[in-house]
Amino acid sequence: MIFEVEPVGWVRGGRSEAVDDDWGESRAAIELDAERFDLEALMGLDQFSHAEIVYLFDRVRPEQIVSGARHPRGRADWPRIGIFAQRGKNRPNRIGVTMCRIAAVSGLRLEVVGLDAIDGTPVLDIKPVLSGFLPREEVREPDWAREIMAGYWKLA
């Protein structure tokens, strides 16, 4: 079965290259597709502190897709794990998801801080972060996962 998904908008600004760390201060805008959406599309989003952005790793070529296991970031000192046990960009459907802080909402433009997507990235969806959708119990993760994220959101 094949599904077609059209971007709702595109990332504008922020970083031009996908680098593994220091995304904490990355500020970018998401511009909605003006041909598909009217000025009411983002109405009310400014009442939320954070948004979850769903986007496409569009620069990952088909031959770079991983369907089995690998070492995160290619580091042999971290365990070899399946692609669905990590958040790398070389995923089968190339979909990324990030919760980021809303800085401003104006017309068809949403400005965010901490979005780990690069300039020109297609945005598939925008959802407000509601506390009711956050984990209701303690989050468990292996040591390597905490280590990999130690510098990811670090302020540059």
C-alpha atoms as a PDB file:
ATOM      1  CA  MET A   1       0.000   0.000   0.000  1.00  0.00           C
ATOM      2  CA  ILE A   2       1.330   3.444  -0.898  1.00  0.00           C
ATOM      3  CA  PHE A   3       0.252   6.662   0.783  1.00  0.00           C
ATOM      4  CA  GLU A   4       0.807  10.114  -0.635  1.00  0.00           C
ATOM      5  CA  VAL A   5       1.595  12.904   1.792  1.00  0.00           C
ATOM      6  CA  GLU A   6       2.026  16.534   0.802  1.00  0.00           C
ATOM      7  CA  PRO A   7       4.091  18.923   2.911  1.00  0.00           C
ATOM      8  CA  VAL A   8       2.057  21.445   4.871  1.00  0.00           C
ATOM      9  CA  GLY A   9       5.046  23.790   4.682  1.00  0.00           C
ATOM     10  CA  TRP A  10       8.823  24.078   4.756  1.00  0.00           C
ATOM     11  CA  VAL A  11      11.525  24.916   7.260  1.00  0.00           C
ATOM     12  CA  ARG A  12      13.047  28.321   6.558  1.00  0.00           C
ATOM     13  CA  GLY A  13      16.304  29.405   8.124  1.00  0.00           C
ATOM     14  CA  GLY A  14      18.070  27.701  10.982  1.00  0.00           C
ATOM     15  CA  ARG A  15      20.865  25.375   9.967  1.00  0.00           C
ATOM     16  CA  SER A  16      21.815  24.503   6.421  1.00  0.00           C
ATOM     17  CA  GLU A  17      23.546  21.221   7.332  1.00  0.00           C
ATOM     18  CA  ALA A  18      22.494  18.281   9.490  1.00  0.00           C
ATOM     19  CA  VAL A  19      25.028  18.220  12.314  1.00  0.00           C
ATOM     20  CA  ASP A  20      24.607  15.812  15.224  1.00  0.00           C
ATOM     21  CA  ASP A  21      24.804  18.208  18.193  1.00  0.00           C
ATOM     22  CA  ASP A  22      24.103  21.715  19.515  1.00  0.00           C
ATOM     23  CA  TRP A  23      20.499  22.094  18.313  1.00  0.00           C
ATOM     24  CA  GLY A  24      19.340  23.823  21.513  1.00  0.00           C
ATOM     25  CA  GLU A  25      19.470  27.389  20.168  1.00  0.00           C
ATOM     26  CA  SER A  26      18.631  26.569  16.569  1.00  0.00           C
ATOM     27  CA  ARG A  27      15.915  29.035  15.564  1.00  0.00           C
ATOM     28  CA  ALA A  28      13.942  28.480  12.379  1.00  0.00           C
ATOM     29  CA  ALA A  29      10.561  29.250  10.892  1.00  0.00           C
ATOM     30  CA  ILE A  30       8.005  26.981   9.340  1.00  0.00           C
ATOM     31  CA  GLU A  31       6.164  28.619   6.480  1.00  0.00           C
ATOM     32  CA  LEU A  32       2.876  26.980   5.592  1.00  0.00           C
ATOM     33  CA  ASP A  33       1.927  26.423   1.962  1.00  0.00           C
ATOM     34  CA  ALA A  34      -0.121  29.549   1.148  1.00  0.00           C
ATOM     35  CA  GLU A  35      -1.921  27.762  -1.700  1.00  0.00           C
ATOM     36  CA  ARG A  36      -3.340  25.123   0.668  1.00  0.00           C
ATOM     37  CA  PHE A  37      -3.882  27.030   3.918  1.00  0.00           C
ATOM     38  CA  ASP A  38      -5.541  30.269   4.905  1.00  0.00           C
ATOM     39  CA  LEU A  39      -4.451  32.596   7.699  1.00  0.00           C
ATOM     40  CA  GLU A  40      -6.566  30.699  10.258  1.00  0.00           C
ATOM     41  CA  ALA A  41      -4.515  27.487  10.015  1.00  0.00           C
ATOM     42  CA  LEU A  42      -2.194  28.416  12.898  1.00  0.00           C
ATOM     43  CA  MET A  43      -4.846  30.264  14.916  1.00  0.00           C
ATOM     44  CA  GLY A  44      -4.572  29.437  18.625  1.00  0.00           C
ATOM     45  CA  LEU A  45      -1.171  27.767  18.379  1.00  0.00           C
ATOM     46  CA  ASP A  46       0.388  30.778  20.118  1.00  0.00           C
ATOM     47  CA  GLN A  47      -1.413  29.686  23.302  1.00  0.00           C
ATOM     48  CA  PHE A  48       0.911  26.666  23.543  1.00  0.00           C
ATOM     49  CA  SER A  49       4.548  26.707  24.659  1.00  0.00           C
ATOM     50  CA  HIS A  50       5.689  23.859  22.415  1.00  0.00           C
ATOM     51  CA  ALA A  51       4.810  22.192  19.128  1.00  0.00           C
ATOM     52  CA  GLU A  52       5.628  18.775  17.764  1.00  0.00           C
ATOM     53  CA  ILE A  53       6.929  19.050  14.218  1.00  0.00           C
ATOM     54  CA  VAL A  54       6.715  16.076  11.864  1.00  0.00           C
ATOM     55  CA  TYR A  55       9.061  16.373   8.899  1.00  0.00           C
ATOM     56  CA  LEU A  56      10.743  14.443   6.114  1.00  0.00           C
ATOM     57  CA  PHE A  57      14.478  13.731   5.953  1.00  0.00           C
ATOM     58  CA  ASP A  58      14.287  14.547   2.239  1.00  0.00           C
ATOM     59  CA  ARG A  59      18.044  14.570   1.652  1.00  0.00           C
ATOM     60  CA  VAL A  60      18.519  10.932   2.686  1.00  0.00           C
ATOM     61  CA  ARG A  61      19.022   8.940  -0.515  1.00  0.00           C
ATOM     62  CA  PRO A  62      17.315   5.536  -0.918  1.00  0.00           C
ATOM     63  CA  GLU A  63      20.653   3.699  -0.733  1.00  0.00           C
ATOM     64  CA  GLN A  64      21.303   5.275   2.698  1.00  0.00           C
ATOM     65  CA  ILE A  65      18.161   3.765   4.256  1.00  0.00           C
ATOM     66  CA  VAL A  66      18.795   1.271   7.061  1.00  0.00           C
ATOM     67  CA  SER A  67      16.270  -1.522   7.521  1.00  0.00           C
ATOM     68  CA  GLY A  68      18.152  -3.622  10.059  1.00  0.00           C
ATOM     69  CA  ALA A  69      20.625  -2.804  12.824  1.00  0.00           C
ATOM     70  CA  ARG A  70      23.581  -0.451  13.088  1.00  0.00           C
ATOM     71  CA  HIS A  71      25.761   1.327  15.619  1.00  0.00           C
ATOM     72  CA  PRO A  72      24.248   4.773  16.408  1.00  0.00           C
ATOM     73  CA  ARG A  73      26.314   7.489  14.695  1.00  0.00           C
ATOM     74  CA  GLY A  74      28.602   4.706  13.447  1.00  0.00           C
ATOM     75  CA  ARG A  75      30.243   4.397  16.867  1.00  0.00           C
ATOM     76  CA  ALA A  76      31.386   0.841  17.552  1.00  0.00           C
ATOM     77  CA  ASP A  77      31.587   1.617  21.294  1.00  0.00           C
ATOM     78  CA  TRP A  78      27.792   1.903  21.344  1.00  0.00           C
ATOM     79  CA  PRO A  79      25.721  -1.246  20.840  1.00  0.00           C
ATOM     80  CA  ARG A  80      24.482  -2.355  17.438  1.00  0.00           C
ATOM     81  CA  ILE A  81      20.713  -1.867  17.573  1.00  0.00           C
ATOM     82  CA  GLY A  82      17.750  -1.959  15.213  1.00  0.00           C
ATOM     83  CA  ILE A  83      16.746   1.154  13.292  1.00  0.00           C
ATOM     84  CA  PHE A  84      13.459   1.341  15.251  1.00  0.00           C
ATOM     85  CA  ALA A  85      15.385   1.464  18.555  1.00  0.00           C
ATOM     86  CA  GLN A  86      17.086   4.724  17.542  1.00  0.00           C
ATOM     87  CA  ARG A  87      16.105   8.075  16.052  1.00  0.00           C
ATOM     88  CA  GLY A  88      18.601   8.366  13.187  1.00  0.00           C
ATOM     89  CA  LYS A  89      17.612  10.017   9.910  1.00  0.00           C
ATOM     90  CA  ASN A  90      18.302   6.951   7.745  1.00  0.00           C
ATOM     91  CA  ARG A  91      14.925   5.438   8.627  1.00  0.00           C
ATOM     92  CA  PRO A  92      12.740   3.430   6.239  1.00  0.00           C
ATOM     93  CA  ASN A  93      10.184   6.224   5.754  1.00  0.00           C
ATOM     94  CA  ARG A  94      12.633   9.081   6.531  1.00  0.00           C
ATOM     95  CA  ILE A  95      10.201  10.706   8.981  1.00  0.00           C
ATOM     96  CA  GLY A  96      11.495  12.902  11.802  1.00  0.00           C
ATOM     97  CA  VAL A  97       9.603  14.201  14.827  1.00  0.00           C
ATOM     98  CA  THR A  98      10.754  16.909  17.236  1.00  0.00           C
ATOM     99  CA  MET A  99       9.153  18.823  20.089  1.00  0.00           C
ATOM    100  CA  CYS A 100      10.337  22.428  20.025  1.00  0.00           C
ATOM    101  CA  ARG A 101       9.552  25.720  21.726  1.00  0.00           C
ATOM    102  CA  ILE A 102       7.167  28.111  19.983  1.00  0.00           C
ATOM    103  CA  ALA A 103       8.800  31.542  19.685  1.00  0.00           C
ATOM    104  CA  ALA A 104       6.172  33.331  17.570  1.00  0.00           C
ATOM    105  CA  VAL A 105       3.138  32.761  15.380  1.00  0.00           C
ATOM    106  CA  SER A 106       2.278  35.229  12.636  1.00  0.00           C
ATOM    107  CA  GLY A 107      -0.019  34.519   9.716  1.00  0.00           C
ATOM    108  CA  LEU A 108       1.226  31.377   7.987  1.00  0.00           C
ATOM    109  CA  ARG A 109       4.591  31.494   9.765  1.00  0.00           C
ATOM    110  CA  LEU A 110       5.549  29.604  12.924  1.00  0.00           C
ATOM    111  CA  GLU A 111       8.898  30.458  14.524  1.00  0.00           C
ATOM    112  CA  VAL A 112      10.414  27.743  16.700  1.00  0.00           C
ATOM    113  CA  VAL A 113      13.525  27.117  18.778  1.00  0.00           C
ATOM    114  CA  GLY A 114      15.184  23.707  18.997  1.00  0.00           C
ATOM    115  CA  LEU A 115      13.986  22.193  15.730  1.00  0.00           C
ATOM    116  CA  ASP A 116      16.558  19.706  14.461  1.00  0.00           C
ATOM    117  CA  ALA A 117      15.588  20.017  10.806  1.00  0.00           C
ATOM    118  CA  ILE A 118      17.529  21.987   8.212  1.00  0.00           C
ATOM    119  CA  ASP A 119      16.560  24.857   5.917  1.00  0.00           C
ATOM    120  CA  GLY A 120      14.231  23.680   3.140  1.00  0.00           C
ATOM    121  CA  THR A 121      13.033  20.543   4.949  1.00  0.00           C
ATOM    122  CA  PRO A 122       9.433  19.594   4.073  1.00  0.00           C
ATOM    123  CA  VAL A 123       7.128  19.728   7.110  1.00  0.00           C
ATOM    124  CA  LEU A 124       4.409  17.054   7.113  1.00  0.00           C
ATOM    125  CA  ASP A 125       2.449  18.134  10.195  1.00  0.00           C
ATOM    126  CA  ILE A 126       2.422  20.465  13.193  1.00  0.00           C
ATOM    127  CA  LYS A 127       0.808  19.465  16.482  1.00  0.00           C
ATOM    128  CA  PRO A 128       0.595  21.364  19.764  1.00  0.00           C
ATOM    129  CA  VAL A 129       2.282  19.613  22.688  1.00  0.00           C
ATOM    130  CA  LEU A 130      -0.357  18.711  25.245  1.00  0.00           C
ATOM    131  CA  SER A 131       0.728  17.429  28.648  1.00  0.00           C
ATOM    132  CA  GLY A 132      -1.897  14.694  28.345  1.00  0.00           C
ATOM    133  CA  PHE A 133       0.096  13.122  25.503  1.00  0.00           C
ATOM    134  CA  LEU A 134       3.412  13.079  27.366  1.00  0.00           C
ATOM    135  CA  PRO A 135       4.436   9.804  29.039  1.00  0.00           C
ATOM    136  CA  ARG A 136       2.357   9.075  32.107  1.00  0.00           C
ATOM    137  CA  GLU A 137       5.102   7.104  33.793  1.00  0.00           C
ATOM    138  CA  GLU A 138       8.881   7.277  34.150  1.00  0.00           C
ATOM    139  CA  VAL A 139      10.793   7.122  30.870  1.00  0.00           C
ATOM    140  CA  ARG A 140      13.356   4.297  30.671  1.00  0.00           C
ATOM    141  CA  GLU A 141      16.339   4.358  28.299  1.00  0.00           C
ATOM    142  CA  PRO A 142      19.740   2.675  28.046  1.00  0.00           C
ATOM    143  CA  ASP A 143      22.957   4.468  29.050  1.00  0.00           C
ATOM    144  CA  TRP A 144      24.145   4.881  25.430  1.00  0.00           C
ATOM    145  CA  ALA A 145      20.939   6.800  24.625  1.00  0.00           C
ATOM    146  CA  ARG A 146      21.562   9.293  27.434  1.00  0.00           C
ATOM    147  CA  GLU A 147      25.162   9.615  26.261  1.00  0.00           C
ATOM    148  CA  ILE A 148      24.191  10.232  22.613  1.00  0.00           C
ATOM    149  CA  MET A 149      21.834  13.031  23.676  1.00  0.00           C
ATOM    150  CA  ALA A 150      24.253  14.734  26.113  1.00  0.00           C
ATOM    151  CA  GLY A 151      25.309  17.347  23.543  1.00  0.00           C
ATOM    152  CA  TYR A 152      22.354  17.185  21.168  1.00  0.00           C
ATOM    153  CA  TRP A 153      20.373  20.066  22.686  1.00  0.00           C
ATOM    154  CA  LYS A 154      23.434  21.812  24.098  1.00  0.00           C
ATOM    155  CA  LEU A 155      23.461  25.538  23.539  1.00  0.00           C
ATOM    156  CA  ALA A 156      26.164  26.367  20.992  1.00  0.00           C
END
